Amino acid sequence: LLAKKAGMKYIVITSKHHDGVALWNSKVSDYSL
């Protein structure tokens, strides 16, 4: 909603940054948020 109010058209989210932690419940690794 903040992106929408700011007039932005797309969102890029860090699904996995350099720390190797997946934001989703990845079946590949137990190292997820």
All heavy atoms as atom14 arrays in JSON, in Angstrom:
{
  "sequence": "LLAKKAGMKYIVITSKHHDGVALWNSKVSDYSL",
  "atom14_mask": [
    [1, 1, 1, 1, 1, 1, 1, 1, 0, 0, 0, 0, 0, 0],
    [1, 1, 1, 1, 1, 1, 1, 1, 0, 0, 0, 0, 0, 0],
    [1, 1, 1, 1, 1, 0, 0, 0, 0, 0, 0, 0, 0, 0],
    [1, 1, 1, 1, 1, 1, 1, 1, 1, 0, 0, 0, 0, 0],
    [1, 1, 1, 1, 1, 1, 1, 1, 1, 0, 0, 0, 0, 0],
    [1, 1, 1, 1, 1, 0, 0, 0, 0, 0, 0, 0, 0, 0],
    [1, 1, 1, 1, 0, 0, 0, 0, 0, 0, 0, 0, 0, 0],
    [1, 1, 1, 1, 1, 1, 1, 1, 0, 0, 0, 0, 0, 0],
    [1, 1, 1, 1, 1, 1, 1, 1, 1, 0, 0, 0, 0, 0],
    [1, 1, 1, 1, 1, 1, 1, 1, 1, 1, 1, 1, 0, 0],
    [1, 1, 1, 1, 1, 1, 1, 1, 0, 0, 0, 0, 0, 0],
    [1, 1, 1, 1, 1, 1, 1, 0, 0, 0, 0, 0, 0, 0],
    [1, 1, 1, 1, 1, 1, 1, 1, 0, 0, 0, 0, 0, 0],
    [1, 1, 1, 1, 1, 1, 1, 0, 0, 0, 0, 0, 0, 0],
    [1, 1, 1, 1, 1, 1, 0, 0, 0, 0, 0, 0, 0, 0],
    [1, 1, 1, 1, 1, 1, 1, 1, 1, 0, 0, 0, 0, 0],
    [1, 1, 1, 1, 1, 1, 1, 1, 1, 1, 0, 0, 0, 0],
    [1, 1, 1, 1, 1, 1, 1, 1, 1, 1, 0, 0, 0, 0],
    [1, 1, 1, 1, 1, 1, 1, 1, 0, 0, 0, 0, 0, 0],
    [1, 1, 1, 1, 0, 0, 0, 0, 0, 0, 0, 0, 0, 0],
    [1, 1, 1, 1, 1, 1, 1, 0, 0, 0, 0, 0, 0, 0],
    [1, 1, 1, 1, 1, 0, 0, 0, 0, 0, 0, 0, 0, 0],
    [1, 1, 1, 1, 1, 1, 1, 1, 0, 0, 0, 0, 0, 0],
    [1, 1, 1, 1, 1, 1, 1, 1, 1, 1, 1, 1, 1, 1],
    [1, 1, 1, 1, 1, 1, 1, 1, 0, 0, 0, 0, 0, 0],
    [1, 1, 1, 1, 1, 1, 0, 0, 0, 0, 0, 0, 0, 0],
    [1, 1, 1, 1, 1, 1, 1, 1, 1, 0, 0, 0, 0, 0],
    [1, 1, 1, 1, 1, 1, 1, 0, 0, 0, 0, 0, 0, 0],
    [1, 1, 1, 1, 1, 1, 0, 0, 0, 0, 0, 0, 0, 0],
    [1, 1, 1, 1, 1, 1, 1, 1, 0, 0, 0, 0, 0, 0],
    [1, 1, 1, 1, 1, 1, 1, 1, 1, 1, 1, 1, 0, 0],
    [1, 1, 1, 1, 1, 1, 0, 0, 0, 0, 0, 0, 0, 0],
    [1, 1, 1, 1, 1, 1, 1, 1, 0, 0, 0, 0, 0, 0]
  ],
  "atom14_positions": [
    [[0.83, -1.21, 0.0], [0.0, 0.0, 0.0], [0.86, 1.26, 0.0], [0.52, 2.26, -0.64], [-0.94, -0.01, 1.21], [-2.08, -1.02, 1.15], [-2.81, -1.07, 2.49], [-3.04, -0.68, 0.02], [0.0, 0.0, 0.0], [0.0, 0.0, 0.0], [0.0, 0.0, 0.0], [0.0, 0.0, 0.0], [0.0, 0.0, 0.0], [0.0, 0.0, 0.0]],
    [[1.99, 1.22, 0.71], [2.9, 2.36, 0.7], [3.48, 2.57, -0.69], [3.59, 3.71, -1.17], [4.03, 2.13, 1.72], [5.09, 3.23, 1.81], [4.48, 4.58, 2.16], [6.17, 2.85, 2.83], [0.0, 0.0, 0.0], [0.0, 0.0, 0.0], [0.0, 0.0, 0.0], [0.0, 0.0, 0.0], [0.0, 0.0, 0.0], [0.0, 0.0, 0.0]],
    [[3.85, 1.48, -1.35], [4.35, 1.58, -2.73], [3.29, 2.19, -3.64], [3.57, 3.04, -4.49], [4.78, 0.21, -3.24], [0.0, 0.0, 0.0], [0.0, 0.0, 0.0], [0.0, 0.0, 0.0], [0.0, 0.0, 0.0], [0.0, 0.0, 0.0], [0.0, 0.0, 0.0], [0.0, 0.0, 0.0], [0.0, 0.0, 0.0], [0.0, 0.0, 0.0]],
    [[2.05, 1.75, -3.45], [0.94, 2.26, -4.25], [0.77, 3.77, -4.03], [0.62, 4.54, -4.98], [-0.34, 1.52, -3.86], [-1.52, 1.77, -4.78], [-1.46, 0.88, -5.98], [-2.74, 0.95, -6.78], [-2.69, 0.1, -7.98], [0.0, 0.0, 0.0], [0.0, 0.0, 0.0], [0.0, 0.0, 0.0], [0.0, 0.0, 0.0], [0.0, 0.0, 0.0]],
    [[0.79, 4.19, -2.76], [0.63, 5.61, -2.45], [1.81, 6.43, -2.97], [1.66, 7.63, -3.26], [0.5, 5.79, -0.94], [-0.79, 5.22, -0.36], [-0.79, 5.31, 1.17], [-2.03, 4.67, 1.76], [-1.99, 4.66, 3.25], [0.0, 0.0, 0.0], [0.0, 0.0, 0.0], [0.0, 0.0, 0.0], [0.0, 0.0, 0.0], [0.0, 0.0, 0.0]],
    [[2.97, 5.81, -3.08], [4.16, 6.51, -3.57], [4.2, 6.59, -5.09], [5.12, 7.19, -5.65], [5.42, 5.82, -3.06], [0.0, 0.0, 0.0], [0.0, 0.0, 0.0], [0.0, 0.0, 0.0], [0.0, 0.0, 0.0], [0.0, 0.0, 0.0], [0.0, 0.0, 0.0], [0.0, 0.0, 0.0], [0.0, 0.0, 0.0], [0.0, 0.0, 0.0]],
    [[3.21, 5.99, -5.75], [3.2, 6.02, -7.21], [4.09, 5.0, -7.87], [4.39, 5.08, -9.05], [0.0, 0.0, 0.0], [0.0, 0.0, 0.0], [0.0, 0.0, 0.0], [0.0, 0.0, 0.0], [0.0, 0.0, 0.0], [0.0, 0.0, 0.0], [0.0, 0.0, 0.0], [0.0, 0.0, 0.0], [0.0, 0.0, 0.0], [0.0, 0.0, 0.0]],
    [[4.53, 3.99, -7.09], [5.42, 2.96, -7.63], [4.61, 1.88, -8.34], [3.45, 1.65, -8.02], [6.24, 2.35, -6.49], [7.22, 3.35, -5.88], [7.86, 2.81, -4.28], [9.3, 3.87, -4.13], [0.0, 0.0, 0.0], [0.0, 0.0, 0.0], [0.0, 0.0, 0.0], [0.0, 0.0, 0.0], [0.0, 0.0, 0.0], [0.0, 0.0, 0.0]],
    [[5.24, 1.22, -9.32], [4.55, 0.25, -10.16], [5.0, -1.19, -9.92], [4.37, -2.13, -10.4], [4.75, 0.61, -11.63], [4.24, 2.0, -12.01], [2.75, 2.14, -11.78], [2.24, 3.49, -12.25], [0.79, 3.65, -11.97], [0.0, 0.0, 0.0], [0.0, 0.0, 0.0], [0.0, 0.0, 0.0], [0.0, 0.0, 0.0], [0.0, 0.0, 0.0]],
    [[6.13, -1.37, -9.24], [6.6, -2.74, -8.98], [7.37, -2.76, -7.67], [7.83, -1.73, -7.18], [7.46, -3.27, -10.12], [8.72, -2.49, -10.42], [9.93, -2.85, -9.86], [8.69, -1.41, -11.3], [11.09, -2.14, -10.14], [9.84, -0.69, -11.6], [11.04, -1.06, -11.0], [12.18, -0.35, -11.28], [0.0, 0.0, 0.0], [0.0, 0.0, 0.0]],
    [[7.47, -3.95, -7.09], [8.2, -4.15, -5.83], [9.24, -5.24, -6.03], [8.95, -6.29, -6.61], [7.23, -4.55, -4.69], [6.43, -3.33, -4.23], [7.98, -5.18, -3.53], [5.38, -3.65, -3.18], [0.0, 0.0, 0.0], [0.0, 0.0, 0.0], [0.0, 0.0, 0.0], [0.0, 0.0, 0.0], [0.0, 0.0, 0.0], [0.0, 0.0, 0.0]],
    [[10.45, -4.97, -5.56], [11.52, -5.98, -5.54], [11.84, -6.27, -4.08], [12.26, -5.37, -3.35], [12.79, -5.46, -6.25], [13.85, -6.56, -6.29], [12.48, -4.96, -7.65], [0.0, 0.0, 0.0], [0.0, 0.0, 0.0], [0.0, 0.0, 0.0], [0.0, 0.0, 0.0], [0.0, 0.0, 0.0], [0.0, 0.0, 0.0], [0.0, 0.0, 0.0]],
    [[11.62, -7.49, -3.64], [11.89, -7.85, -2.25], [13.03, -8.86, -2.17], [13.16, -9.75, -3.03], [10.64, -8.4, -1.53], [10.93, -8.61, -0.04], [10.1, -9.66, -2.19], [9.71, -8.84, 0.82], [0.0, 0.0, 0.0], [0.0, 0.0, 0.0], [0.0, 0.0, 0.0], [0.0, 0.0, 0.0], [0.0, 0.0, 0.0], [0.0, 0.0, 0.0]],
    [[13.84, -8.74, -1.12], [15.01, -9.61, -0.94], [14.57, -10.99, -0.48], [14.55, -11.29, 0.72], [15.98, -9.0, 0.1], [15.22, -8.68, 1.27], [16.64, -7.76, -0.45], [0.0, 0.0, 0.0], [0.0, 0.0, 0.0], [0.0, 0.0, 0.0], [0.0, 0.0, 0.0], [0.0, 0.0, 0.0], [0.0, 0.0, 0.0], [0.0, 0.0, 0.0]],
    [[14.24, -11.84, -1.42], [13.8, -13.2, -1.07], [14.92, -13.97, -0.36], [14.67, -14.76, 0.54], [13.35, -13.94, -2.32], [14.42, -14.12, -3.22], [0.0, 0.0, 0.0], [0.0, 0.0, 0.0], [0.0, 0.0, 0.0], [0.0, 0.0, 0.0], [0.0, 0.0, 0.0], [0.0, 0.0, 0.0], [0.0, 0.0, 0.0], [0.0, 0.0, 0.0]],
    [[16.15, -13.75, -0.79], [17.34, -14.29, -0.08], [18.49, -13.33, -0.31], [18.88, -13.09, -1.45], [17.72, -15.68, -0.59], [18.96, -16.26, 0.15], [19.5, -17.53, -0.51], [20.34, -17.18, -1.72], [21.72, -17.63, -1.67], [0.0, 0.0, 0.0], [0.0, 0.0, 0.0], [0.0, 0.0, 0.0], [0.0, 0.0, 0.0], [0.0, 0.0, 0.0]],
    [[18.99, -12.77, 0.77], [20.13, -11.87, 0.65], [21.42, -12.68, 0.84], [21.41, -13.91, 0.84], [20.02, -10.72, 1.66], [20.73, -9.47, 1.21], [22.07, -9.26, 1.44], [20.28, -8.39, 0.53], [22.43, -8.09, 0.93], [21.36, -7.53, 0.36], [0.0, 0.0, 0.0], [0.0, 0.0, 0.0], [0.0, 0.0, 0.0], [0.0, 0.0, 0.0]],
    [[22.55, -11.96, 0.97], [23.85, -12.65, 1.06], [23.95, -13.55, 2.28], [24.77, -14.48, 2.3], [24.99, -11.63, 1.11], [25.0, -10.65, -0.03], [24.62, -10.99, -1.31], [25.35, -9.34, -0.07], [24.74, -9.93, -2.09], [25.16, -8.92, -1.37], [0.0, 0.0, 0.0], [0.0, 0.0, 0.0], [0.0, 0.0, 0.0], [0.0, 0.0, 0.0]],
    [[23.13, -13.29, 3.31], [23.22, -14.12, 4.52], [22.67, -15.52, 4.32], [22.79, -16.38, 5.2], [22.52, -13.44, 5.71], [21.04, -13.15, 5.46], [20.51, -13.56, 4.41], [20.41, -12.51, 6.33], [0.0, 0.0, 0.0], [0.0, 0.0, 0.0], [0.0, 0.0, 0.0], [0.0, 0.0, 0.0], [0.0, 0.0, 0.0], [0.0, 0.0, 0.0]],
    [[22.05, -15.78, 3.16], [21.59, -17.12, 2.84], [20.25, -17.49, 3.41], [19.78, -18.63, 3.25], [0.0, 0.0, 0.0], [0.0, 0.0, 0.0], [0.0, 0.0, 0.0], [0.0, 0.0, 0.0], [0.0, 0.0, 0.0], [0.0, 0.0, 0.0], [0.0, 0.0, 0.0], [0.0, 0.0, 0.0], [0.0, 0.0, 0.0], [0.0, 0.0, 0.0]],
    [[19.57, -16.55, 4.1], [18.3, -16.84, 4.75], [17.14, -16.6, 3.79], [16.95, -15.49, 3.3], [18.11, -15.96, 6.01], [16.8, -16.31, 6.7], [19.29, -16.15, 6.96], [0.0, 0.0, 0.0], [0.0, 0.0, 0.0], [0.0, 0.0, 0.0], [0.0, 0.0, 0.0], [0.0, 0.0, 0.0], [0.0, 0.0, 0.0], [0.0, 0.0, 0.0]],
    [[16.37, -17.66, 3.52], [15.19, -17.51, 2.67], [14.04, -16.91, 3.47], [13.81, -17.29, 4.62], [14.77, -18.87, 2.12], [0.0, 0.0, 0.0], [0.0, 0.0, 0.0], [0.0, 0.0, 0.0], [0.0, 0.0, 0.0], [0.0, 0.0, 0.0], [0.0, 0.0, 0.0], [0.0, 0.0, 0.0], [0.0, 0.0, 0.0], [0.0, 0.0, 0.0]],
    [[13.31, -15.97, 2.86], [12.15, -15.37, 3.55], [10.96, -16.3, 3.52], [10.03, -16.13, 4.31], [11.78, -14.04, 2.91], [12.75, -12.87, 3.07], [12.08, -11.58, 2.63], [13.24, -12.74, 4.51], [0.0, 0.0, 0.0], [0.0, 0.0, 0.0], [0.0, 0.0, 0.0], [0.0, 0.0, 0.0], [0.0, 0.0, 0.0], [0.0, 0.0, 0.0]],
    [[10.95, -17.27, 2.62], [9.83, -18.2, 2.53], [10.23, -19.55, 3.14], [11.41, -19.79, 3.42], [9.41, -18.35, 1.06], [10.35, -19.15, 0.2], [10.19, -20.44, -0.21], [11.62, -18.73, -0.37], [11.25, -20.86, -0.98], [12.14, -19.82, -1.09], [12.36, -17.55, -0.31], [13.36, -19.76, -1.77], [13.58, -17.49, -0.99], [14.05, -18.58, -1.7]],
    [[9.28, -20.42, 3.29], [9.55, -21.72, 3.91], [10.1, -22.68, 2.85], [9.43, -23.59, 2.38], [8.27, -22.28, 4.53], [8.53, -23.5, 5.41], [9.68, -23.82, 5.7], [7.48, -24.17, 5.82], [0.0, 0.0, 0.0], [0.0, 0.0, 0.0], [0.0, 0.0, 0.0], [0.0, 0.0, 0.0], [0.0, 0.0, 0.0], [0.0, 0.0, 0.0]],
    [[11.36, -22.43, 2.5], [11.98, -23.21, 1.42], [12.18, -24.66, 1.83], [12.63, -24.96, 2.95], [13.33, -22.58, 1.06], [14.01, -23.38, 0.11], [0.0, 0.0, 0.0], [0.0, 0.0, 0.0], [0.0, 0.0, 0.0], [0.0, 0.0, 0.0], [0.0, 0.0, 0.0], [0.0, 0.0, 0.0], [0.0, 0.0, 0.0], [0.0, 0.0, 0.0]],
    [[11.85, -25.56, 0.92], [12.06, -27.0, 1.17], [13.52, -27.37, 0.98], [13.94, -28.47, 1.33], [11.17, -27.82, 0.23], [9.68, -27.59, 0.42], [8.87, -28.43, -0.55], [7.37, -28.23, -0.35], [6.95, -26.84, -0.61], [0.0, 0.0, 0.0], [0.0, 0.0, 0.0], [0.0, 0.0, 0.0], [0.0, 0.0, 0.0], [0.0, 0.0, 0.0]],
    [[14.29, -26.47, 0.4], [15.68, -26.75, 0.05], [16.59, -26.62, 1.27], [17.58, -27.35, 1.41], [16.15, -25.79, -1.06], [17.63, -25.97, -1.35], [15.31, -25.98, -2.31], [0.0, 0.0, 0.0], [0.0, 0.0, 0.0], [0.0, 0.0, 0.0], [0.0, 0.0, 0.0], [0.0, 0.0, 0.0], [0.0, 0.0, 0.0], [0.0, 0.0, 0.0]],
    [[16.24, -25.71, 2.18], [17.13, -25.41, 3.31], [16.31, -25.12, 4.55], [15.24, -24.51, 4.49], [18.01, -24.19, 2.97], [18.69, -23.73, 4.11], [0.0, 0.0, 0.0], [0.0, 0.0, 0.0], [0.0, 0.0, 0.0], [0.0, 0.0, 0.0], [0.0, 0.0, 0.0], [0.0, 0.0, 0.0], [0.0, 0.0, 0.0], [0.0, 0.0, 0.0]],
    [[16.82, -25.57, 5.71], [16.17, -25.25, 6.97], [16.48, -23.82, 7.41], [15.89, -23.32, 8.37], [16.64, -26.21, 8.08], [16.08, -27.61, 7.87], [15.04, -27.74, 7.21], [16.71, -28.56, 8.37], [0.0, 0.0, 0.0], [0.0, 0.0, 0.0], [0.0, 0.0, 0.0], [0.0, 0.0, 0.0], [0.0, 0.0, 0.0], [0.0, 0.0, 0.0]],
    [[17.4, -23.18, 6.73], [17.83, -21.82, 7.09], [16.91, -20.82, 6.42], [17.26, -20.15, 5.45], [19.27, -21.62, 6.68], [20.04, -20.65, 7.55], [20.12, -20.85, 8.93], [20.7, -19.56, 7.01], [20.85, -19.99, 9.74], [21.43, -18.68, 7.81], [21.49, -18.9, 9.18], [22.21, -18.04, 9.98], [0.0, 0.0, 0.0], [0.0, 0.0, 0.0]],
    [[15.68, -20.75, 6.95], [14.68, -19.82, 6.41], [14.03, -19.07, 7.57], [14.02, -19.55, 8.71], [13.61, -20.57, 5.61], [12.8, -21.35, 6.47], [0.0, 0.0, 0.0], [0.0, 0.0, 0.0], [0.0, 0.0, 0.0], [0.0, 0.0, 0.0], [0.0, 0.0, 0.0], [0.0, 0.0, 0.0], [0.0, 0.0, 0.0], [0.0, 0.0, 0.0]],
    [[13.49, -17.89, 7.26], [12.89, -17.07, 8.31], [11.72, -17.78, 9.01], [11.64, -17.75, 10.24], [12.46, -15.73, 7.73], [11.94, -14.7, 8.73], [12.97, -14.4, 9.8], [11.52, -13.42, 8.02], [0.0, 0.0, 0.0], [0.0, 0.0, 0.0], [0.0, 0.0, 0.0], [0.0, 0.0, 0.0], [0.0, 0.0, 0.0], [0.0, 0.0, 0.0]]
  ]
}
